[in-house]
Amino acid sequence: MFERFVHTGDAALVTGSVGIGLSVVHLLVDRMGGTVGYSREGAATVFRVELPAAHEAAGELAEV
């Protein structure tokens, strides 16, 4: 689902869509050290993005 969609036809499959949104989200989240996923909840698709806190990404310990 997070791979870039490549359409070889002349017309867009969905008006106003180029098919790269989720692949860009996945790339950005991955580069920030996080994860992205999805689940189905009834008729809805729910996307989840988890990113490390700034101090975790920098390799520092949080002060409480």
PDB file of N, CA and C in Angstrom:
ATOM      1  N   MET A   1       0.822  -1.192   0.000  1.00  0.00           N
ATOM      2  CA  MET A   1       0.000   0.000   0.000  1.00  0.00           C
ATOM      3  C   MET A   1       0.869   1.261   0.000  1.00  0.00           C
ATOM      4  N   PHE A   2       2.079   1.166   0.519  1.00  0.00           N
ATOM      5  CA  PHE A   2       2.922   2.353   0.643  1.00  0.00           C
ATOM      6  C   PHE A   2       3.943   2.480  -0.489  1.00  0.00           C
ATOM      7  N   GLU A   3       3.847   1.606  -1.475  1.00  0.00           N
ATOM      8  CA  GLU A   3       4.720   1.714  -2.640  1.00  0.00           C
ATOM      9  C   GLU A   3       4.166   2.768  -3.584  1.00  0.00           C
ATOM     10  N   ARG A   4       5.050   3.439  -4.296  1.00  0.00           N
ATOM     11  CA  ARG A   4       4.617   4.459  -5.249  1.00  0.00           C
ATOM     12  C   ARG A   4       3.821   3.814  -6.375  1.00  0.00           C
ATOM     13  N   PHE A   5       2.677   4.396  -6.687  1.00  0.00           N
ATOM     14  CA  PHE A   5       1.824   3.900  -7.758  1.00  0.00           C
ATOM     15  C   PHE A   5       2.278   4.511  -9.071  1.00  0.00           C
ATOM     16  N   VAL A   6       2.463   3.676 -10.064  1.00  0.00           N
ATOM     17  CA  VAL A   6       2.852   4.158 -11.390  1.00  0.00           C
ATOM     18  C   VAL A   6       1.750   3.763 -12.365  1.00  0.00           C
ATOM     19  N   HIS A   7       1.158   4.753 -12.984  1.00  0.00           N
ATOM     20  CA  HIS A   7       0.092   4.535 -13.965  1.00  0.00           C
ATOM     21  C   HIS A   7       0.647   4.870 -15.331  1.00  0.00           C
ATOM     22  N   THR A   8       0.516   3.951 -16.251  1.00  0.00           N
ATOM     23  CA  THR A   8       1.104   4.164 -17.574  1.00  0.00           C
ATOM     24  C   THR A   8       0.116   4.696 -18.601  1.00  0.00           C
ATOM     25  N   GLY A   9      -1.142   4.885 -18.221  1.00  0.00           N
ATOM     26  CA  GLY A   9      -2.143   5.394 -19.160  1.00  0.00           C
ATOM     27  C   GLY A   9      -2.026   6.894 -19.355  1.00  0.00           C
ATOM     28  N   ASP A  10      -2.807   7.420 -20.284  1.00  0.00           N
ATOM     29  CA  ASP A  10      -2.793   8.848 -20.575  1.00  0.00           C
ATOM     30  C   ASP A  10      -3.610   9.662 -19.580  1.00  0.00           C
ATOM     31  N   ALA A  11      -4.671   9.070 -19.026  1.00  0.00           N
ATOM     32  CA  ALA A  11      -5.559   9.792 -18.117  1.00  0.00           C
ATOM     33  C   ALA A  11      -5.388   9.282 -16.689  1.00  0.00           C
ATOM     34  N   ALA A  12      -5.553  10.177 -15.739  1.00  0.00           N
ATOM     35  CA  ALA A  12      -5.473   9.787 -14.327  1.00  0.00           C
ATOM     36  C   ALA A  12      -6.622   8.857 -13.990  1.00  0.00           C
ATOM     37  N   LEU A  13      -6.360   7.882 -13.122  1.00  0.00           N
ATOM     38  CA  LEU A  13      -7.416   6.972 -12.698  1.00  0.00           C
ATOM     39  C   LEU A  13      -8.404   7.674 -11.779  1.00  0.00           C
ATOM     40  N   VAL A  14      -7.891   8.578 -10.958  1.00  0.00           N
ATOM     41  CA  VAL A  14      -8.720   9.363 -10.055  1.00  0.00           C
ATOM     42  C   VAL A  14      -8.396  10.824 -10.321  1.00  0.00           C
ATOM     43  N   THR A  15      -9.386  11.627 -10.594  1.00  0.00           N
ATOM     44  CA  THR A  15      -9.167  13.034 -10.900  1.00  0.00           C
ATOM     45  C   THR A  15      -8.456  13.718  -9.738  1.00  0.00           C
ATOM     46  N   GLY A  16      -7.383  14.414 -10.024  1.00  0.00           N
ATOM     47  CA  GLY A  16      -6.636  15.141  -9.005  1.00  0.00           C
ATOM     48  C   GLY A  16      -5.666  14.287  -8.213  1.00  0.00           C
ATOM     49  N   SER A  17      -5.471  13.050  -8.588  1.00  0.00           N
ATOM     50  CA  SER A  17      -4.582  12.151  -7.848  1.00  0.00           C
ATOM     51  C   SER A  17      -3.415  11.745  -8.736  1.00  0.00           C
ATOM     52  N   VAL A  18      -2.219  11.691  -8.116  1.00  0.00           N
ATOM     53  CA  VAL A  18      -1.055  11.208  -8.853  1.00  0.00           C
ATOM     54  C   VAL A  18      -0.519   9.923  -8.254  1.00  0.00           C
ATOM     55  N   GLY A  19      -1.082   9.466  -7.126  1.00  0.00           N
ATOM     56  CA  GLY A  19      -0.733   8.171  -6.565  1.00  0.00           C
ATOM     57  C   GLY A  19       0.561   8.115  -5.792  1.00  0.00           C
ATOM     58  N   ILE A  20       1.060   9.235  -5.279  1.00  0.00           N
ATOM     59  CA  ILE A  20       2.318   9.185  -4.527  1.00  0.00           C
ATOM     60  C   ILE A  20       2.163   9.573  -3.066  1.00  0.00           C
ATOM     61  N   GLY A  21       0.975   9.947  -2.627  1.00  0.00           N
ATOM     62  CA  GLY A  21       0.777  10.451  -1.268  1.00  0.00           C
ATOM     63  C   GLY A  21       1.265   9.530  -0.168  1.00  0.00           C
ATOM     64  N   LEU A  22       0.803   8.281  -0.156  1.00  0.00           N
ATOM     65  CA  LEU A  22       1.188   7.365   0.908  1.00  0.00           C
ATOM     66  C   LEU A  22       2.660   6.975   0.830  1.00  0.00           C
ATOM     67  N   SER A  23       3.210   6.907  -0.374  1.00  0.00           N
ATOM     68  CA  SER A  23       4.628   6.570  -0.479  1.00  0.00           C
ATOM     69  C   SER A  23       5.491   7.702   0.070  1.00  0.00           C
ATOM     70  N   VAL A  24       5.064   8.940  -0.110  1.00  0.00           N
ATOM     71  CA  VAL A  24       5.792  10.086   0.444  1.00  0.00           C
ATOM     72  C   VAL A  24       5.693  10.078   1.969  1.00  0.00           C
ATOM     73  N   VAL A  25       4.505   9.814   2.490  1.00  0.00           N
ATOM     74  CA  VAL A  25       4.334   9.715   3.949  1.00  0.00           C
ATOM     75  C   VAL A  25       5.249   8.637   4.500  1.00  0.00           C
ATOM     76  N   HIS A  26       5.252   7.480   3.868  1.00  0.00           N
ATOM     77  CA  HIS A  26       6.086   6.366   4.336  1.00  0.00           C
ATOM     78  C   HIS A  26       7.566   6.739   4.328  1.00  0.00           C
ATOM     79  N   LEU A  27       8.024   7.366   3.269  1.00  0.00           N
ATOM     80  CA  LEU A  27       9.425   7.769   3.162  1.00  0.00           C
ATOM     81  C   LEU A  27       9.796   8.776   4.254  1.00  0.00           C
ATOM     82  N   LEU A  28       8.975   9.804   4.442  1.00  0.00           N
ATOM     83  CA  LEU A  28       9.267  10.824   5.445  1.00  0.00           C
ATOM     84  C   LEU A  28       9.267  10.252   6.856  1.00  0.00           C
ATOM     85  N   VAL A  29       8.261   9.452   7.162  1.00  0.00           N
ATOM     86  CA  VAL A  29       8.165   8.858   8.502  1.00  0.00           C
ATOM     87  C   VAL A  29       9.356   7.928   8.751  1.00  0.00           C
ATOM     88  N   ASP A  30       9.711   7.132   7.755  1.00  0.00           N
ATOM     89  CA  ASP A  30      10.856   6.227   7.889  1.00  0.00           C
ATOM     90  C   ASP A  30      12.146   7.003   8.135  1.00  0.00           C
ATOM     91  N   ARG A  31      12.343   8.079   7.404  1.00  0.00           N
ATOM     92  CA  ARG A  31      13.567   8.881   7.562  1.00  0.00           C
ATOM     93  C   ARG A  31      13.632   9.584   8.918  1.00  0.00           C
ATOM     94  N   MET A  32      12.460   9.779   9.546  1.00  0.00           N
ATOM     95  CA  MET A  32      12.425  10.387  10.881  1.00  0.00           C
ATOM     96  C   MET A  32      12.471   9.333  11.986  1.00  0.00           C
ATOM     97  N   GLY A  33      12.685   8.074  11.603  1.00  0.00           N
ATOM     98  CA  GLY A  33      12.816   7.013  12.583  1.00  0.00           C
ATOM     99  C   GLY A  33      11.510   6.460  13.105  1.00  0.00           C
ATOM    100  N   GLY A  34      10.427   6.706  12.385  1.00  0.00           N
ATOM    101  CA  GLY A  34       9.116   6.260  12.841  1.00  0.00           C
ATOM    102  C   GLY A  34       8.558   5.128  11.999  1.00  0.00           C
ATOM    103  N   THR A  35       7.303   4.831  12.262  1.00  0.00           N
ATOM    104  CA  THR A  35       6.605   3.801  11.513  1.00  0.00           C
ATOM    105  C   THR A  35       5.249   4.328  11.077  1.00  0.00           C
ATOM    106  N   VAL A  36       4.746   3.755  10.003  1.00  0.00           N
ATOM    107  CA  VAL A  36       3.414   4.097   9.519  1.00  0.00           C
ATOM    108  C   VAL A  36       2.710   2.786   9.180  1.00  0.00           C
ATOM    109  N   GLY A  37       1.456   2.723   9.496  1.00  0.00           N
ATOM    110  CA  GLY A  37       0.685   1.519   9.214  1.00  0.00           C
ATOM    111  C   GLY A  37      -0.780   1.868   9.053  1.00  0.00           C
ATOM    112  N   TYR A  38      -1.569   0.848   8.812  1.00  0.00           N
ATOM    113  CA  TYR A  38      -2.994   1.075   8.650  1.00  0.00           C
ATOM    114  C   TYR A  38      -3.762  -0.133   9.147  1.00  0.00           C
ATOM    115  N   SER A  39      -5.019   0.072   9.426  1.00  0.00           N
ATOM    116  CA  SER A  39      -5.919  -1.014   9.789  1.00  0.00           C
ATOM    117  C   SER A  39      -7.298  -0.674   9.277  1.00  0.00           C
ATOM    118  N   ARG A  40      -8.118  -1.685   9.133  1.00  0.00           N
ATOM    119  CA  ARG A  40      -9.502  -1.493   8.717  1.00  0.00           C
ATOM    120  C   ARG A  40     -10.363  -1.516   9.963  1.00  0.00           C
ATOM    121  N   GLU A  41     -11.224  -0.542  10.114  1.00  0.00           N
ATOM    122  CA  GLU A  41     -12.170  -0.473  11.219  1.00  0.00           C
ATOM    123  C   GLU A  41     -13.554  -0.296  10.602  1.00  0.00           C
ATOM    124  N   GLY A  42     -14.247  -1.395  10.445  1.00  0.00           N
ATOM    125  CA  GLY A  42     -15.534  -1.359   9.752  1.00  0.00           C
ATOM    126  C   GLY A  42     -15.315  -1.013   8.294  1.00  0.00           C
ATOM    127  N   ALA A  43     -15.986   0.017   7.835  1.00  0.00           N
ATOM    128  CA  ALA A  43     -15.847   0.454   6.447  1.00  0.00           C
ATOM    129  C   ALA A  43     -14.738   1.482   6.265  1.00  0.00           C
ATOM    130  N   ALA A  44     -14.056   1.851   7.359  1.00  0.00           N
ATOM    131  CA  ALA A  44     -13.029   2.903   7.297  1.00  0.00           C
ATOM    132  C   ALA A  44     -11.627   2.301   7.329  1.00  0.00           C
ATOM    133  N   THR A  45     -10.708   2.988   6.691  1.00  0.00           N
ATOM    134  CA  THR A  45      -9.289   2.662   6.798  1.00  0.00           C
ATOM    135  C   THR A  45      -8.664   3.711   7.696  1.00  0.00           C
ATOM    136  N   VAL A  46      -7.977   3.259   8.741  1.00  0.00           N
ATOM    137  CA  VAL A  46      -7.355   4.158   9.716  1.00  0.00           C
ATOM    138  C   VAL A  46      -5.841   4.054   9.563  1.00  0.00           C
ATOM    139  N   PHE A  47      -5.196   5.191   9.362  1.00  0.00           N
ATOM    140  CA  PHE A  47      -3.745   5.225   9.225  1.00  0.00           C
ATOM    141  C   PHE A  47      -3.124   5.657  10.541  1.00  0.00           C
ATOM    142  N   ARG A  48      -1.992   5.052  10.897  1.00  0.00           N
ATOM    143  CA  ARG A  48      -1.300   5.329  12.150  1.00  0.00           C
ATOM    144  C   ARG A  48       0.144   5.727  11.829  1.00  0.00           C
ATOM    145  N   VAL A  49       0.556   6.870  12.351  1.00  0.00           N
ATOM    146  CA  VAL A  49       1.937   7.328  12.211  1.00  0.00           C
ATOM    147  C   VAL A  49       2.510   7.450  13.617  1.00  0.00           C
ATOM    148  N   GLU A  50       3.619   6.789  13.858  1.00  0.00           N
ATOM    149  CA  GLU A  50       4.309   6.879  15.148  1.00  0.00           C
ATOM    150  C   GLU A  50       5.710   7.415  14.912  1.00  0.00           C
ATOM    151  N   LEU A  51       6.031   8.489  15.629  1.00  0.00           N
ATOM    152  CA  LEU A  51       7.344   9.117  15.518  1.00  0.00           C
ATOM    153  C   LEU A  51       8.000   9.146  16.889  1.00  0.00           C
ATOM    154  N   PRO A  52       9.323   8.993  16.945  1.00  0.00           N
ATOM    155  CA  PRO A  52       9.996   9.081  18.233  1.00  0.00           C
ATOM    156  C   PRO A  52       9.975  10.520  18.745  1.00  0.00           C
ATOM    157  N   ALA A  53       9.985  10.656  20.051  1.00  0.00           N
ATOM    158  CA  ALA A  53      10.084  11.994  20.644  1.00  0.00           C
ATOM    159  C   ALA A  53      11.436  12.593  20.256  1.00  0.00           C
ATOM    160  N   ALA A  54      11.532  13.900  20.246  1.00  0.00           N
ATOM    161  CA  ALA A  54      12.751  14.586  19.806  1.00  0.00           C
ATOM    162  C   ALA A  54      13.971  14.108  20.577  1.00  0.00           C
ATOM    163  N   HIS A  55      13.846  13.915  21.884  1.00  0.00           N
ATOM    164  CA  HIS A  55      15.007  13.489  22.664  1.00  0.00           C
ATOM    165  C   HIS A  55      15.413  12.060  22.323  1.00  0.00           C
ATOM    166  N   GLU A  56      14.473  11.204  21.935  1.00  0.00           N
ATOM    167  CA  GLU A  56      14.807   9.841  21.537  1.00  0.00           C
ATOM    168  C   GLU A  56      15.507   9.836  20.183  1.00  0.00           C
ATOM    169  N   ALA A  57      15.039  10.665  19.275  1.00  0.00           N
ATOM    170  CA  ALA A  57      15.635  10.726  17.944  1.00  0.00           C
ATOM    171  C   ALA A  57      17.059  11.254  18.003  1.00  0.00           C
ATOM    172  N   ALA A  58      17.323  12.131  18.962  1.00  0.00           N
ATOM    173  CA  ALA A  58      18.662  12.710  19.107  1.00  0.00           C
ATOM    174  C   ALA A  58      19.587  11.819  19.931  1.00  0.00           C
ATOM    175  N   GLY A  59      19.063  10.710  20.460  1.00  0.00           N
ATOM    176  CA  GLY A  59      19.874   9.797  21.252  1.00  0.00           C
ATOM    177  C   GLY A  59      20.070  10.271  22.687  1.00  0.00           C
ATOM    178  N   GLU A  60      19.237  11.189  23.140  1.00  0.00           N
ATOM    179  CA  GLU A  60      19.351  11.703  24.503  1.00  0.00           C
ATOM    180  C   GLU A  60      18.311  11.049  25.382  1.00  0.00           C
ATOM    181  N   LEU A  61      18.547  11.055  26.680  1.00  0.00           N
ATOM    182  CA  LEU A  61      17.573  10.555  27.633  1.00  0.00           C
ATOM    183  C   LEU A  61      16.685  11.701  28.098  1.00  0.00           C
ATOM    184  N   ALA A  62      15.426  11.393  28.273  1.00  0.00           N
ATOM    185  CA  ALA A  62      14.494  12.414  28.750  1.00  0.00           C
ATOM    186  C   ALA A  62      14.694  12.640  30.234  1.00  0.00           C
ATOM    187  N   GLU A  63      14.632  13.896  30.646  1.00  0.00           N
ATOM    188  CA  GLU A  63      14.677  14.222  32.063  1.00  0.00           C
ATOM    189  C   GLU A  63      13.251  14.345  32.552  1.00  0.00           C
ATOM    190  N   VAL A  64      12.974  13.661  33.659  1.00  0.00           N
ATOM    191  CA  VAL A  64      11.616  13.682  34.208  1.00  0.00           C
ATOM    192  C   VAL A  64      11.540  14.646  35.345  1.00  0.00           C
TER     193      VAL A  64
END
